[in-house]
Amino acid sequence: MGFPVDPYGDTIFTRGEIEAWRPSDKTPRREFIANDYRILLLIGDNYGDFTGASSGSLEERARSAEGFAPYWGKKWIVLPNAQYGSWEGALFDYRYRLSEVEKLDMKYKRLRTYR
């Protein structure tokens, strides 16, 4: 495709590479890469793939996401993963001790449909 790739450089950065990189927060990885490169596009399946401000209630997450409105669909591309993600805990207020039935009930109550 014509992209210059250093054959001796590391091109895949995972959470286990540098001890300071926490498993779920990708901000330090992005900062590390931004020291040498300009990041043009981020693609992910979870809000945390784009920003470290990915925790909190659904309302807090929505307000945070609105602040990045110019990025969505242009610099930030979401490929949704309906199986899991930090979004799921937000649906039941991170109350993991609830029964599965209670969690499911809270998820249904927060479900929004579009016509």
C-alpha atoms as a PDB file:
ATOM      1  CA  MET A   1       0.000   0.000   0.000  1.00  0.00           C
ATOM      2  CA  GLY A   2       3.033   2.268   0.010  1.00  0.00           C
ATOM      3  CA  PHE A   3       3.145   2.945   3.733  1.00  0.00           C
ATOM      4  CA  PRO A   4       6.710   3.154   5.046  1.00  0.00           C
ATOM      5  CA  VAL A   5       7.186   0.513   7.749  1.00  0.00           C
ATOM      6  CA  ASP A   6      10.422   0.137   9.659  1.00  0.00           C
ATOM      7  CA  PRO A   7      11.198  -3.596   9.416  1.00  0.00           C
ATOM      8  CA  TYR A   8      13.113  -3.384  12.701  1.00  0.00           C
ATOM      9  CA  GLY A   9      10.590  -1.324  14.640  1.00  0.00           C
ATOM     10  CA  ASP A  10       7.826  -2.605  16.862  1.00  0.00           C
ATOM     11  CA  THR A  11       4.491  -2.088  15.117  1.00  0.00           C
ATOM     12  CA  ILE A  12       2.131  -3.877  17.520  1.00  0.00           C
ATOM     13  CA  PHE A  13       1.705  -2.526  21.031  1.00  0.00           C
ATOM     14  CA  THR A  14      -0.080  -4.711  23.543  1.00  0.00           C
ATOM     15  CA  ARG A  15      -0.979  -4.244  27.192  1.00  0.00           C
ATOM     16  CA  GLY A  16       1.767  -6.559  28.435  1.00  0.00           C
ATOM     17  CA  GLU A  17       4.663  -4.828  26.688  1.00  0.00           C
ATOM     18  CA  ILE A  18       5.316  -2.037  29.138  1.00  0.00           C
ATOM     19  CA  GLU A  19       4.498  -2.605  32.792  1.00  0.00           C
ATOM     20  CA  ALA A  20       3.158   0.922  33.285  1.00  0.00           C
ATOM     21  CA  TRP A  21       0.422   0.286  30.707  1.00  0.00           C
ATOM     22  CA  ARG A  22      -2.703  -0.675  32.593  1.00  0.00           C
ATOM     23  CA  PRO A  23      -4.709  -3.353  30.812  1.00  0.00           C
ATOM     24  CA  SER A  24      -7.807  -1.294  30.050  1.00  0.00           C
ATOM     25  CA  ASP A  25      -6.462   2.252  29.696  1.00  0.00           C
ATOM     26  CA  LYS A  26      -4.956   2.727  26.261  1.00  0.00           C
ATOM     27  CA  THR A  27      -4.052   6.393  26.837  1.00  0.00           C
ATOM     28  CA  PRO A  28      -0.398   5.645  27.751  1.00  0.00           C
ATOM     29  CA  ARG A  29      -0.015   3.532  24.591  1.00  0.00           C
ATOM     30  CA  ARG A  30      -1.404   6.328  22.425  1.00  0.00           C
ATOM     31  CA  GLU A  31       0.900   8.857  24.120  1.00  0.00           C
ATOM     32  CA  PHE A  32       3.916   6.581  23.603  1.00  0.00           C
ATOM     33  CA  ILE A  33       3.165   6.253  19.898  1.00  0.00           C
ATOM     34  CA  ALA A  34       2.404   9.985  19.551  1.00  0.00           C
ATOM     35  CA  ASN A  35       5.959  10.770  20.693  1.00  0.00           C
ATOM     36  CA  ASP A  36       7.220   9.610  17.288  1.00  0.00           C
ATOM     37  CA  TYR A  37       4.169   9.498  15.045  1.00  0.00           C
ATOM     38  CA  ARG A  38       1.083  11.500  14.222  1.00  0.00           C
ATOM     39  CA  ILE A  39      -1.987   9.385  14.924  1.00  0.00           C
ATOM     40  CA  LEU A  40      -4.440   9.927  12.097  1.00  0.00           C
ATOM     41  CA  LEU A  41      -7.160   7.421  12.913  1.00  0.00           C
ATOM     42  CA  LEU A  42      -8.301   5.306  15.824  1.00  0.00           C
ATOM     43  CA  ILE A  43     -10.503   2.254  15.326  1.00  0.00           C
ATOM     44  CA  GLY A  44     -12.009   0.441  18.279  1.00  0.00           C
ATOM     45  CA  ASP A  45     -14.992  -1.367  19.707  1.00  0.00           C
ATOM     46  CA  ASN A  46     -15.196   0.411  23.059  1.00  0.00           C
ATOM     47  CA  TYR A  47     -15.139   4.023  24.246  1.00  0.00           C
ATOM     48  CA  GLY A  48     -11.898   3.332  26.140  1.00  0.00           C
ATOM     49  CA  ASP A  49     -10.169   2.632  22.836  1.00  0.00           C
ATOM     50  CA  PHE A  50     -10.462   6.362  22.123  1.00  0.00           C
ATOM     51  CA  THR A  51     -10.194   8.170  25.462  1.00  0.00           C
ATOM     52  CA  GLY A  52      -9.284   7.545  29.078  1.00  0.00           C
ATOM     53  CA  ALA A  53     -12.570   9.216  30.099  1.00  0.00           C
ATOM     54  CA  SER A  54     -14.501   6.006  29.526  1.00  0.00           C
ATOM     55  CA  SER A  55     -15.827   5.248  32.997  1.00  0.00           C
ATOM     56  CA  GLY A  56     -18.826   6.596  34.849  1.00  0.00           C
ATOM     57  CA  SER A  57     -22.580   6.434  34.472  1.00  0.00           C
ATOM     58  CA  LEU A  58     -24.302   6.308  31.116  1.00  0.00           C
ATOM     59  CA  GLU A  59     -25.061  10.003  31.429  1.00  0.00           C
ATOM     60  CA  GLU A  60     -21.429  10.871  32.234  1.00  0.00           C
ATOM     61  CA  ARG A  61     -20.178   8.760  29.345  1.00  0.00           C
ATOM     62  CA  ALA A  62     -22.681  10.401  26.974  1.00  0.00           C
ATOM     63  CA  ARG A  63     -21.598  13.907  28.047  1.00  0.00           C
ATOM     64  CA  SER A  64     -17.960  12.940  27.604  1.00  0.00           C
ATOM     65  CA  ALA A  65     -18.634  11.473  24.142  1.00  0.00           C
ATOM     66  CA  GLU A  66     -20.462  14.652  23.073  1.00  0.00           C
ATOM     67  CA  GLY A  67     -17.253  16.586  23.748  1.00  0.00           C
ATOM     68  CA  PHE A  68     -15.562  14.551  21.037  1.00  0.00           C
ATOM     69  CA  ALA A  69     -18.362  14.946  18.467  1.00  0.00           C
ATOM     70  CA  PRO A  70     -16.030  16.212  15.686  1.00  0.00           C
ATOM     71  CA  TYR A  71     -13.939  13.026  15.925  1.00  0.00           C
ATOM     72  CA  TRP A  72     -16.695  10.391  15.585  1.00  0.00           C
ATOM     73  CA  GLY A  73     -16.813   8.917  12.104  1.00  0.00           C
ATOM     74  CA  LYS A  74     -13.826  10.968  10.965  1.00  0.00           C
ATOM     75  CA  LYS A  75     -10.815  10.400  13.234  1.00  0.00           C
ATOM     76  CA  TRP A  76     -12.472   7.825  15.476  1.00  0.00           C
ATOM     77  CA  ILE A  77     -14.225   4.824  13.928  1.00  0.00           C
ATOM     78  CA  VAL A  78     -16.298   2.475  16.077  1.00  0.00           C
ATOM     79  CA  LEU A  79     -16.707  -1.159  15.126  1.00  0.00           C
ATOM     80  CA  PRO A  80     -19.197  -2.247  17.807  1.00  0.00           C
ATOM     81  CA  ASN A  81     -18.730  -5.425  19.798  1.00  0.00           C
ATOM     82  CA  ALA A  82     -22.087  -6.387  21.234  1.00  0.00           C
ATOM     83  CA  GLN A  83     -20.571  -9.198  23.319  1.00  0.00           C
ATOM     84  CA  TYR A  84     -18.728  -7.204  25.987  1.00  0.00           C
ATOM     85  CA  GLY A  85     -17.191  -3.875  26.890  1.00  0.00           C
ATOM     86  CA  SER A  86     -17.149  -1.216  29.590  1.00  0.00           C
ATOM     87  CA  TRP A  87     -20.517  -0.025  28.267  1.00  0.00           C
ATOM     88  CA  GLU A  88     -22.166  -3.133  29.694  1.00  0.00           C
ATOM     89  CA  GLY A  89     -21.347  -2.429  33.362  1.00  0.00           C
ATOM     90  CA  ALA A  90     -22.611   1.124  32.969  1.00  0.00           C
ATOM     91  CA  LEU A  91     -26.054  -0.256  32.083  1.00  0.00           C
ATOM     92  CA  PHE A  92     -26.485  -1.679  35.586  1.00  0.00           C
ATOM     93  CA  ASP A  93     -24.468   1.018  37.383  1.00  0.00           C
ATOM     94  CA  TYR A  94     -21.487  -1.335  37.839  1.00  0.00           C
ATOM     95  CA  ARG A  95     -23.445  -3.279  40.464  1.00  0.00           C
ATOM     96  CA  TYR A  96     -21.858  -6.621  39.650  1.00  0.00           C
ATOM     97  CA  ARG A  97     -23.317  -8.325  42.713  1.00  0.00           C
ATOM     98  CA  LEU A  98     -26.819  -8.100  41.272  1.00  0.00           C
ATOM     99  CA  SER A  99     -28.282 -11.347  40.005  1.00  0.00           C
ATOM    100  CA  GLU A 100     -28.140 -11.974  36.266  1.00  0.00           C
ATOM    101  CA  VAL A 101     -31.914 -11.435  36.114  1.00  0.00           C
ATOM    102  CA  GLU A 102     -31.606  -8.046  37.862  1.00  0.00           C
ATOM    103  CA  LYS A 103     -28.786  -6.977  35.534  1.00  0.00           C
ATOM    104  CA  LEU A 104     -30.782  -8.039  32.492  1.00  0.00           C
ATOM    105  CA  ASP A 105     -33.818  -6.123  33.744  1.00  0.00           C
ATOM    106  CA  MET A 106     -31.736  -2.948  34.142  1.00  0.00           C
ATOM    107  CA  LYS A 107     -30.269  -3.438  30.657  1.00  0.00           C
ATOM    108  CA  TYR A 108     -33.752  -3.724  29.130  1.00  0.00           C
ATOM    109  CA  LYS A 109     -34.895  -0.585  30.948  1.00  0.00           C
ATOM    110  CA  ARG A 110     -32.019   1.385  29.442  1.00  0.00           C
ATOM    111  CA  LEU A 111     -32.448   0.008  25.944  1.00  0.00           C
ATOM    112  CA  ARG A 112     -33.277   2.679  23.385  1.00  0.00           C
ATOM    113  CA  THR A 113     -34.621   1.871  19.986  1.00  0.00           C
ATOM    114  CA  TYR A 114     -34.665   4.041  16.901  1.00  0.00           C
ATOM    115  CA  ARG A 115     -37.253   4.017  14.152  1.00  0.00           C
END
